[in-house]
Amino acid sequence: MTAAPTAGPPPQRVEQKGAHRPVPRAHGEEMTVDGETEPVVVKLGVWASNTKSRRDKLTADQLAALAKLDVDWA
């Protein structure tokens, strides 16, 4: 899984829980991923932290996807 905000499960959690709730870096979320038979643990805190710290490297489409989810730093 990459840190791209338009790929993978993390944006699903943002939609479920809200973009303005802080996510502890150590937090993992069990999610169903397309193509997987069993749920996988996504390290959501790491994904959120890495994506935010690397936001200057995100494409306009990726930033727009995050903004659509109401992520205030996107």
N, C-alpha and C. Protein backbone atom coordinates (compact mmCIF):
# COMPACT_ATOMS: atom_id res chain seq x y z
N MET A 1 0.85 -1.17 0.00
CA MET A 1 0.00 0.00 0.00
C MET A 1 0.89 1.23 0.00
N THR A 2 0.51 2.24 -0.72
CA THR A 2 1.27 3.48 -0.77
C THR A 2 0.61 4.54 0.09
N ALA A 3 1.27 5.63 0.26
CA ALA A 3 0.72 6.73 1.06
C ALA A 3 -0.18 7.64 0.23
N ALA A 4 -0.44 7.26 -0.99
CA ALA A 4 -1.30 8.08 -1.85
C ALA A 4 -2.69 8.19 -1.25
N PRO A 5 -3.21 9.39 -1.04
CA PRO A 5 -4.50 9.54 -0.39
C PRO A 5 -5.67 9.05 -1.21
N THR A 6 -5.48 8.80 -2.49
CA THR A 6 -6.60 8.31 -3.29
C THR A 6 -6.59 6.79 -3.38
N ALA A 7 -5.59 6.13 -2.80
CA ALA A 7 -5.50 4.68 -2.88
C ALA A 7 -5.61 4.08 -1.50
N GLY A 8 -6.18 2.89 -1.42
CA GLY A 8 -6.21 2.16 -0.17
C GLY A 8 -7.30 2.60 0.79
N PRO A 9 -7.40 1.92 1.89
CA PRO A 9 -8.48 2.11 2.84
C PRO A 9 -8.48 3.36 3.71
N PRO A 10 -7.36 4.02 4.01
CA PRO A 10 -7.45 5.11 4.96
C PRO A 10 -8.53 6.16 4.69
N PRO A 11 -8.74 6.61 3.46
CA PRO A 11 -9.82 7.59 3.26
C PRO A 11 -11.20 7.07 3.67
N GLN A 12 -11.40 5.74 3.65
CA GLN A 12 -12.67 5.18 4.09
C GLN A 12 -12.90 5.51 5.56
N ARG A 13 -11.84 5.41 6.37
CA ARG A 13 -11.99 5.70 7.78
C ARG A 13 -12.27 7.18 8.00
N VAL A 14 -11.63 8.04 7.20
CA VAL A 14 -11.89 9.47 7.31
C VAL A 14 -13.36 9.74 7.06
N GLU A 15 -13.93 9.08 6.07
CA GLU A 15 -15.35 9.25 5.78
C GLU A 15 -16.20 8.77 6.96
N GLN A 16 -15.79 7.69 7.61
CA GLN A 16 -16.57 7.12 8.71
C GLN A 16 -16.45 7.93 10.00
N LYS A 17 -15.23 8.36 10.33
CA LYS A 17 -14.96 8.96 11.64
C LYS A 17 -14.87 10.48 11.61
N GLY A 18 -14.59 11.05 10.46
CA GLY A 18 -14.46 12.49 10.35
C GLY A 18 -13.00 12.92 10.24
N ALA A 19 -12.76 13.93 9.47
CA ALA A 19 -11.40 14.38 9.18
C ALA A 19 -10.79 15.18 10.32
N HIS A 20 -11.58 15.68 11.23
CA HIS A 20 -11.07 16.58 12.26
C HIS A 20 -10.75 15.87 13.57
N ARG A 21 -10.82 14.56 13.57
CA ARG A 21 -10.47 13.81 14.77
C ARG A 21 -9.01 13.39 14.66
N PRO A 22 -8.20 13.73 15.64
CA PRO A 22 -6.79 13.34 15.57
C PRO A 22 -6.63 11.83 15.63
N VAL A 23 -5.65 11.33 14.90
CA VAL A 23 -5.37 9.90 14.87
C VAL A 23 -4.00 9.69 15.50
N PRO A 24 -3.93 8.96 16.61
CA PRO A 24 -2.62 8.68 17.20
C PRO A 24 -1.74 7.93 16.21
N ARG A 25 -0.46 8.25 16.17
CA ARG A 25 0.45 7.63 15.21
C ARG A 25 0.45 6.11 15.30
N ALA A 26 0.29 5.55 16.48
CA ALA A 26 0.34 4.10 16.67
C ALA A 26 -0.98 3.40 16.32
N HIS A 27 -2.00 4.15 15.96
CA HIS A 27 -3.32 3.55 15.72
C HIS A 27 -3.34 2.68 14.46
N GLY A 28 -3.90 1.50 14.59
CA GLY A 28 -4.14 0.61 13.46
C GLY A 28 -5.63 0.36 13.34
N GLU A 29 -6.09 0.21 12.15
CA GLU A 29 -7.52 -0.01 11.89
C GLU A 29 -7.67 -1.26 11.03
N GLU A 30 -8.48 -2.22 11.49
CA GLU A 30 -8.71 -3.42 10.71
C GLU A 30 -9.75 -3.11 9.63
N MET A 31 -9.38 -3.36 8.37
CA MET A 31 -10.25 -3.01 7.25
C MET A 31 -10.23 -4.10 6.19
N THR A 32 -11.28 -4.15 5.43
CA THR A 32 -11.34 -5.05 4.30
C THR A 32 -10.78 -4.32 3.08
N VAL A 33 -9.84 -4.96 2.40
CA VAL A 33 -9.20 -4.37 1.24
C VAL A 33 -9.58 -5.19 0.02
N ASP A 34 -9.89 -4.50 -1.08
CA ASP A 34 -10.23 -5.20 -2.32
C ASP A 34 -9.15 -6.21 -2.67
N GLY A 35 -9.56 -7.42 -3.00
CA GLY A 35 -8.64 -8.46 -3.40
C GLY A 35 -8.11 -9.30 -2.26
N GLU A 36 -8.37 -8.91 -1.02
CA GLU A 36 -7.92 -9.67 0.14
C GLU A 36 -9.09 -10.48 0.69
N THR A 37 -8.82 -11.70 1.13
CA THR A 37 -9.89 -12.54 1.69
C THR A 37 -10.13 -12.24 3.16
N GLU A 38 -9.10 -11.80 3.86
CA GLU A 38 -9.20 -11.49 5.28
C GLU A 38 -8.98 -9.99 5.49
N PRO A 39 -9.58 -9.44 6.54
CA PRO A 39 -9.28 -8.03 6.85
C PRO A 39 -7.79 -7.86 7.16
N VAL A 40 -7.27 -6.69 6.87
CA VAL A 40 -5.88 -6.37 7.16
C VAL A 40 -5.84 -5.18 8.12
N VAL A 41 -4.76 -5.08 8.88
CA VAL A 41 -4.59 -3.94 9.77
C VAL A 41 -3.84 -2.86 9.00
N VAL A 42 -4.47 -1.72 8.88
CA VAL A 42 -3.88 -0.57 8.23
C VAL A 42 -3.37 0.36 9.32
N LYS A 43 -2.12 0.73 9.24
CA LYS A 43 -1.53 1.63 10.23
C LYS A 43 -1.94 3.06 9.89
N LEU A 44 -3.15 3.39 10.27
CA LEU A 44 -3.75 4.65 9.87
C LEU A 44 -2.99 5.86 10.42
N GLY A 45 -2.52 5.76 11.66
CA GLY A 45 -1.78 6.88 12.23
C GLY A 45 -0.52 7.18 11.46
N VAL A 46 0.18 6.14 11.03
CA VAL A 46 1.40 6.31 10.24
C VAL A 46 1.04 6.91 8.89
N TRP A 47 0.00 6.38 8.27
CA TRP A 47 -0.43 6.89 6.95
C TRP A 47 -0.78 8.38 7.04
N ALA A 48 -1.56 8.76 8.05
CA ALA A 48 -1.97 10.15 8.19
C ALA A 48 -0.77 11.06 8.44
N SER A 49 0.10 10.63 9.33
CA SER A 49 1.29 11.43 9.65
C SER A 49 2.20 11.59 8.44
N ASN A 50 2.47 10.49 7.75
CA ASN A 50 3.34 10.54 6.57
C ASN A 50 2.73 11.37 5.45
N THR A 51 1.44 11.20 5.23
CA THR A 51 0.77 11.95 4.15
C THR A 51 0.81 13.44 4.45
N LYS A 52 0.54 13.80 5.69
CA LYS A 52 0.55 15.22 6.05
C LYS A 52 1.96 15.80 5.91
N SER A 53 2.96 15.08 6.39
CA SER A 53 4.32 15.62 6.34
C SER A 53 4.87 15.67 4.92
N ARG A 54 4.32 14.88 4.02
CA ARG A 54 4.78 14.85 2.63
C ARG A 54 3.78 15.50 1.66
N ARG A 55 2.89 16.31 2.20
CA ARG A 55 1.82 16.87 1.36
C ARG A 55 2.34 17.72 0.20
N ASP A 56 3.54 18.28 0.35
CA ASP A 56 4.10 19.08 -0.75
C ASP A 56 4.47 18.22 -1.96
N LYS A 57 4.49 16.89 -1.79
CA LYS A 57 4.81 15.98 -2.89
C LYS A 57 3.55 15.34 -3.49
N LEU A 58 2.38 15.65 -2.94
CA LEU A 58 1.14 15.08 -3.46
C LEU A 58 0.71 15.80 -4.73
N THR A 59 0.04 15.05 -5.59
CA THR A 59 -0.47 15.65 -6.82
C THR A 59 -1.71 16.50 -6.51
N ALA A 60 -2.09 17.32 -7.45
CA ALA A 60 -3.30 18.13 -7.29
C ALA A 60 -4.52 17.24 -7.09
N ASP A 61 -4.58 16.12 -7.80
CA ASP A 61 -5.71 15.19 -7.66
C ASP A 61 -5.76 14.58 -6.26
N GLN A 62 -4.59 14.23 -5.72
CA GLN A 62 -4.52 13.66 -4.38
C GLN A 62 -4.95 14.69 -3.33
N LEU A 63 -4.47 15.91 -3.47
CA LEU A 63 -4.87 16.97 -2.54
C LEU A 63 -6.37 17.25 -2.65
N ALA A 64 -6.89 17.22 -3.86
CA ALA A 64 -8.33 17.44 -4.05
C ALA A 64 -9.14 16.33 -3.39
N ALA A 65 -8.66 15.09 -3.48
CA ALA A 65 -9.36 13.97 -2.85
C ALA A 65 -9.39 14.14 -1.34
N LEU A 66 -8.29 14.59 -0.76
CA LEU A 66 -8.25 14.84 0.68
C LEU A 66 -9.15 16.02 1.05
N ALA A 67 -9.12 17.07 0.26
CA ALA A 67 -9.97 18.23 0.53
C ALA A 67 -11.44 17.84 0.45
N LYS A 68 -11.77 16.95 -0.47
CA LYS A 68 -13.16 16.48 -0.59
C LYS A 68 -13.60 15.75 0.67
N LEU A 69 -12.64 15.11 1.36
CA LEU A 69 -12.93 14.44 2.62
C LEU A 69 -12.89 15.39 3.80
N ASP A 70 -12.71 16.69 3.51
CA ASP A 70 -12.69 17.76 4.51
C ASP A 70 -11.45 17.70 5.41
N VAL A 71 -10.34 17.26 4.85
CA VAL A 71 -9.07 17.28 5.56
C VAL A 71 -8.53 18.70 5.48
N ASP A 72 -8.45 19.38 6.62
CA ASP A 72 -8.17 20.81 6.60
C ASP A 72 -6.77 21.19 6.12
N TRP A 73 -5.78 20.31 6.22
CA TRP A 73 -4.43 20.65 5.78
C TRP A 73 -4.18 20.33 4.32
N ALA A 74 -5.15 19.76 3.64
CA ALA A 74 -4.96 19.36 2.23
C ALA A 74 -5.01 20.55 1.29
